[in-house]
C-alpha atoms as a PDB file:
ATOM      1  CA  MET A   1     -44.715 -20.792  52.567  1.00  0.00           C
ATOM      2  CA  SER A   2     -42.769 -24.566  52.192  1.00  0.00           C
ATOM      3  CA  MET A   3     -39.305 -25.462  53.572  1.00  0.00           C
ATOM      4  CA  ALA A   4     -36.372 -26.605  50.873  1.00  0.00           C
ATOM      5  CA  GLU A   5     -36.330 -30.677  51.038  1.00  0.00           C
ATOM      6  CA  SER A   6     -32.730 -31.121  51.532  1.00  0.00           C
ATOM      7  CA  ASN A   7     -30.939 -33.901  53.445  1.00  0.00           C
ATOM      8  CA  THR A   8     -31.364 -32.355  56.514  1.00  0.00           C
ATOM      9  CA  VAL A   9     -35.244 -30.835  57.250  1.00  0.00           C
ATOM     10  CA  CYS A  10     -34.525 -26.667  58.603  1.00  0.00           C
ATOM     11  CA  PHE A  11     -37.408 -26.092  60.814  1.00  0.00           C
ATOM     12  CA  ILE A  12     -38.839 -22.054  60.043  1.00  0.00           C
ATOM     13  CA  SER A  13     -40.009 -20.295  63.289  1.00  0.00           C
ATOM     14  CA  ILE A  14     -43.406 -19.609  62.881  1.00  0.00           C
ATOM     15  CA  PHE A  15     -44.510 -16.066  65.416  1.00  0.00           C
ATOM     16  CA  MET A  16     -48.528 -17.894  66.025  1.00  0.00           C
ATOM     17  CA  SER A  17     -50.910 -15.031  67.559  1.00  0.00           C
ATOM     18  CA  ALA A  18     -52.324 -15.622  70.656  1.00  0.00           C
ATOM     19  CA  SER A  19     -55.840 -17.518  68.786  1.00  0.00           C
ATOM     20  CA  SER A  20     -53.776 -18.883  66.405  1.00  0.00           C
ATOM     21  CA  ALA A  21     -51.763 -21.462  69.193  1.00  0.00           C
ATOM     22  CA  THR A  22     -54.860 -22.481  70.960  1.00  0.00           C
ATOM     23  CA  ARG A  23     -56.313 -23.135  67.067  1.00  0.00           C
ATOM     24  CA  GLY A  24     -53.942 -25.313  66.820  1.00  0.00           C
ATOM     25  CA  THR A  25     -53.799 -26.620  70.872  1.00  0.00           C
ATOM     26  CA  ARG A  26     -57.429 -27.940  70.179  1.00  0.00           C
ATOM     27  CA  LEU A  27     -57.082 -29.053  66.302  1.00  0.00           C
ATOM     28  CA  VAL A  28     -53.846 -31.773  68.369  1.00  0.00           C
ATOM     29  CA  ARG A  29     -56.585 -32.704  70.654  1.00  0.00           C
ATOM     30  CA  ASP A  30     -58.934 -32.638  67.808  1.00  0.00           C
ATOM     31  CA  VAL A  31     -56.362 -35.469  65.835  1.00  0.00           C
ATOM     32  CA  HIS A  32     -55.723 -37.669  69.129  1.00  0.00           C
ATOM     33  CA  ASN A  33     -59.836 -37.842  69.805  1.00  0.00           C
ATOM     34  CA  SER A  34     -60.417 -38.099  66.364  1.00  0.00           C
ATOM     35  CA  PHE A  35     -57.262 -41.291  65.917  1.00  0.00           C
ATOM     36  CA  LYS A  36     -58.569 -43.032  69.421  1.00  0.00           C
ATOM     37  CA  ARG A  37     -62.511 -43.133  68.038  1.00  0.00           C
ATOM     38  CA  ARG A  38     -60.684 -44.391  65.009  1.00  0.00           C
ATOM     39  CA  TRP A  39     -57.713 -45.939  64.897  1.00  0.00           C
ATOM     40  CA  ALA A  40     -56.842 -46.773  68.541  1.00  0.00           C
ATOM     41  CA  SER A  41     -57.730 -50.432  68.833  1.00  0.00           C
ATOM     42  CA  ARG A  42     -55.585 -51.519  66.191  1.00  0.00           C
ATOM     43  CA  PHE A  43     -52.346 -48.692  65.303  1.00  0.00           C
ATOM     44  CA  MET A  44     -51.504 -47.900  68.979  1.00  0.00           C
ATOM     45  CA  HIS A  45     -48.019 -46.804  68.282  1.00  0.00           C
ATOM     46  CA  GLU A  46     -48.948 -44.711  65.760  1.00  0.00           C
ATOM     47  CA  GLN A  47     -50.577 -42.698  68.041  1.00  0.00           C
ATOM     48  CA  VAL A  48     -47.110 -41.594  68.963  1.00  0.00           C
ATOM     49  CA  PHE A  49     -45.404 -41.375  64.611  1.00  0.00           C
ATOM     50  CA  VAL A  50     -49.015 -38.979  64.200  1.00  0.00           C
ATOM     51  CA  GLY A  51     -48.572 -36.707  66.961  1.00  0.00           C
ATOM     52  CA  ARG A  52     -45.485 -35.830  66.786  1.00  0.00           C
ATOM     53  CA  ILE A  53     -45.866 -34.794  63.065  1.00  0.00           C
ATOM     54  CA  VAL A  54     -49.064 -32.463  63.826  1.00  0.00           C
ATOM     55  CA  GLU A  55     -47.106 -31.245  66.657  1.00  0.00           C
ATOM     56  CA  GLU A  56     -44.232 -30.220  64.744  1.00  0.00           C
ATOM     57  CA  ALA A  57     -45.864 -29.124  61.271  1.00  0.00           C
ATOM     58  CA  LEU A  58     -48.410 -27.130  63.291  1.00  0.00           C
ATOM     59  CA  ARG A  59     -45.727 -25.396  64.477  1.00  0.00           C
ATOM     60  CA  HIS A  60     -45.452 -23.179  61.131  1.00  0.00           C
ATOM     61  CA  GLY A  61     -48.434 -22.283  61.074  1.00  0.00           C
ATOM     62  CA  ASN A  62     -51.832 -22.531  59.664  1.00  0.00           C
ATOM     63  CA  VAL A  63     -50.999 -26.234  57.508  1.00  0.00           C
ATOM     64  CA  GLU A  64     -52.110 -26.547  54.300  1.00  0.00           C
ATOM     65  CA  ALA A  65     -49.324 -29.538  53.205  1.00  0.00           C
ATOM     66  CA  ILE A  66     -47.359 -31.888  54.325  1.00  0.00           C
ATOM     67  CA  THR A  67     -44.551 -34.662  52.678  1.00  0.00           C
ATOM     68  CA  ILE A  68     -42.900 -37.137  54.288  1.00  0.00           C
ATOM     69  CA  GLU A  69     -41.138 -39.774  54.234  1.00  0.00           C
ATOM     70  CA  VAL A  70     -41.207 -43.335  55.527  1.00  0.00           C
ATOM     71  CA  GLY A  71     -38.042 -45.757  55.187  1.00  0.00           C
ATOM     72  CA  GLU A  72     -38.636 -49.101  53.585  1.00  0.00           C
ATOM     73  CA  LEU A  73     -37.769 -50.480  56.840  1.00  0.00           C
ATOM     74  CA  ALA A  74     -39.672 -48.148  59.890  1.00  0.00           C
ATOM     75  CA  PRO A  75     -41.162 -49.426  61.989  1.00  0.00           C
ATOM     76  CA  ILE A  76     -45.213 -47.955  60.657  1.00  0.00           C
ATOM     77  CA  PRO A  77     -46.489 -49.515  56.935  1.00  0.00           C
ATOM     78  CA  ALA A  78     -46.199 -45.686  55.274  1.00  0.00           C
ATOM     79  CA  ALA A  79     -50.068 -46.801  54.129  1.00  0.00           C
ATOM     80  CA  GLU A  80     -50.724 -46.842  57.964  1.00  0.00           C
ATOM     81  CA  LEU A  81     -49.403 -43.520  58.836  1.00  0.00           C
ATOM     82  CA  GLU A  82     -50.989 -42.216  55.499  1.00  0.00           C
ATOM     83  CA  ARG A  83     -54.058 -43.561  57.451  1.00  0.00           C
ATOM     84  CA  ALA A  84     -54.130 -42.311  60.468  1.00  0.00           C
ATOM     85  CA  LEU A  85     -52.691 -38.975  59.227  1.00  0.00           C
ATOM     86  CA  SER A  86     -55.351 -38.988  56.799  1.00  0.00           C
ATOM     87  CA  VAL A  87     -57.716 -36.694  60.035  1.00  0.00           C
ATOM     88  CA  THR A  88     -56.007 -33.723  59.449  1.00  0.00           C
ATOM     89  CA  GLY A  89     -57.516 -32.373  56.459  1.00  0.00           C
ATOM     90  CA  TRP A  90     -54.088 -31.881  54.959  1.00  0.00           C
ATOM     91  CA  ALA A  91     -53.469 -33.028  51.809  1.00  0.00           C
ATOM     92  CA  LEU A  92     -50.424 -35.304  52.255  1.00  0.00           C
ATOM     93  CA  THR A  93     -47.871 -36.630  50.379  1.00  0.00           C
ATOM     94  CA  VAL A  94     -45.837 -39.805  51.755  1.00  0.00           C
ATOM     95  CA  ARG A  95     -42.750 -41.784  50.054  1.00  0.00           C
ATOM     96  CA  THR A  96     -41.263 -43.951  50.881  1.00  0.00           C
ATOM     97  CA  THR A  97     -37.831 -44.195  51.403  1.00  0.00           C
ATOM     98  CA  PRO A  98     -35.944 -47.666  50.619  1.00  0.00           C
ATOM     99  CA  ALA A  99     -33.145 -49.126  52.886  1.00  0.00           C
ATOM    100  CA  THR A 100     -29.449 -49.765  52.349  1.00  0.00           C
ATOM    101  CA  ILE A 101     -27.718 -51.936  54.702  1.00  0.00           C
ATOM    102  CA  ASN A 102     -23.885 -53.086  55.589  1.00  0.00           C
ATOM    103  CA  CYS A 103     -23.188 -56.264  56.499  1.00  0.00           C
ATOM    104  CA  VAL A 104     -20.936 -58.056  58.574  1.00  0.00           C
ATOM    105  CA  CYS A 105     -20.098 -60.385  55.571  1.00  0.00           C
ATOM    106  CA  GLY A 106     -19.041 -56.877  53.534  1.00  0.00           C
ATOM    107  CA  PHE A 107     -22.120 -56.835  51.213  1.00  0.00           C
ATOM    108  CA  THR A 108     -23.846 -52.698  51.880  1.00  0.00           C
ATOM    109  CA  GLY A 109     -27.247 -52.314  49.719  1.00  0.00           C
ATOM    110  CA  ARG A 110     -30.833 -52.517  49.892  1.00  0.00           C
ATOM    111  CA  PRO A 111     -31.806 -55.955  52.001  1.00  0.00           C
ATOM    112  CA  VAL A 112     -34.309 -58.533  50.706  1.00  0.00           C
ATOM    113  CA  VAL A 113     -37.412 -58.430  52.904  1.00  0.00           C
ATOM    114  CA  THR A 114     -39.477 -61.313  53.709  1.00  0.00           C
ATOM    115  CA  ASP A 115     -41.863 -60.029  56.180  1.00  0.00           C
ATOM    116  CA  LYS A 116     -43.210 -56.820  56.352  1.00  0.00           C
ATOM    117  CA  GLY A 117     -46.557 -56.299  59.005  1.00  0.00           C
ATOM    118  CA  HIS A 118     -47.883 -54.021  61.685  1.00  0.00           C
ATOM    119  CA  ASP A 119     -45.181 -52.927  63.842  1.00  0.00           C
ATOM    120  CA  TYR A 120     -42.677 -55.280  62.885  1.00  0.00           C
ATOM    121  CA  THR A 121     -39.970 -56.128  59.456  1.00  0.00           C
ATOM    122  CA  VAL A 122     -38.314 -59.235  58.725  1.00  0.00           C
ATOM    123  CA  PHE A 123     -35.231 -58.402  57.097  1.00  0.00           C
ATOM    124  CA  HIS A 124     -31.706 -60.032  55.969  1.00  0.00           C
ATOM    125  CA  CYS A 125     -28.681 -59.439  54.077  1.00  0.00           C
ATOM    126  CA  PRO A 126     -29.061 -61.082  50.324  1.00  0.00           C
ATOM    127  CA  ARG A 127     -25.254 -62.216  49.963  1.00  0.00           C
ATOM    128  CA  CYS A 128     -25.010 -64.398  53.173  1.00  0.00           C
ATOM    129  CA  GLU A 129     -28.937 -64.426  54.879  1.00  0.00           C
ATOM    130  CA  GLN A 130     -28.153 -63.293  57.834  1.00  0.00           C
ATOM    131  CA  ALA A 131     -30.946 -62.163  59.867  1.00  0.00           C
ATOM    132  CA  PHE A 132     -30.978 -57.991  60.619  1.00  0.00           C
ATOM    133  CA  PRO A 133     -27.666 -57.253  59.679  1.00  0.00           C
ATOM    134  CA  ALA A 134     -27.011 -52.830  60.134  1.00  0.00           C
ATOM    135  CA  ILE A 135     -29.364 -50.102  58.922  1.00  0.00           C
ATOM    136  CA  ILE A 136     -27.720 -47.397  57.017  1.00  0.00           C
ATOM    137  CA  GLU A 137     -31.204 -45.905  55.644  1.00  0.00           C
ATOM    138  CA  GLY A 138     -34.494 -46.010  55.611  1.00  0.00           C
ATOM    139  CA  LYS A 139     -35.272 -47.349  59.037  1.00  0.00           C
ATOM    140  CA  ASP A 140     -36.467 -43.325  59.816  1.00  0.00           C
ATOM    141  CA  VAL A 141     -40.127 -41.351  59.686  1.00  0.00           C
ATOM    142  CA  VAL A 142     -39.307 -37.971  58.523  1.00  0.00           C
ATOM    143  CA  LEU A 143     -41.826 -34.343  58.701  1.00  0.00           C
ATOM    144  CA  LYS A 144     -39.415 -33.379  55.178  1.00  0.00           C
ATOM    145  CA  ASP A 145     -41.250 -30.056  53.922  1.00  0.00           C
ATOM    146  CA  VAL A 146     -44.851 -28.457  55.570  1.00  0.00           C
ATOM    147  CA  THR A 147     -46.919 -25.657  53.232  1.00  0.00           C
ATOM    148  CA  VAL A 148     -48.943 -22.984  55.537  1.00  0.00           C
ATOM    149  CA  ARG A 149     -50.896 -20.744  53.849  1.00  0.00           C
END
């Protein structure tokens, strides 16, 4: 079963048996513990993203694969999120979505990204070079698709 991809993600309610719910809780705990052992010293804020993605995906049942869209200006790089989610054992598709900004100079379009680090992105308007114009798109992390067995 797979959710249809659209601009707005529609989540399907799946009723889980008590044993399946227990397995889900155990997987969240195991992923959390594995993540802490492997990455916590360097990647603390990824834990929040990973925990929310895993919990939401498990609401749909026995997860086989997930698709995530990570905005170009999201507070977590797509590669780091993919690395952190690899502990789930699920097939992962991580797509980067381009950003769109709206600047006070009237420019609307792609920003110039001058630096992107672990938990920050420095960008500006390509027309007037104002730093950090308003972001219209490309700042979110979205769970787009969940495939269950």
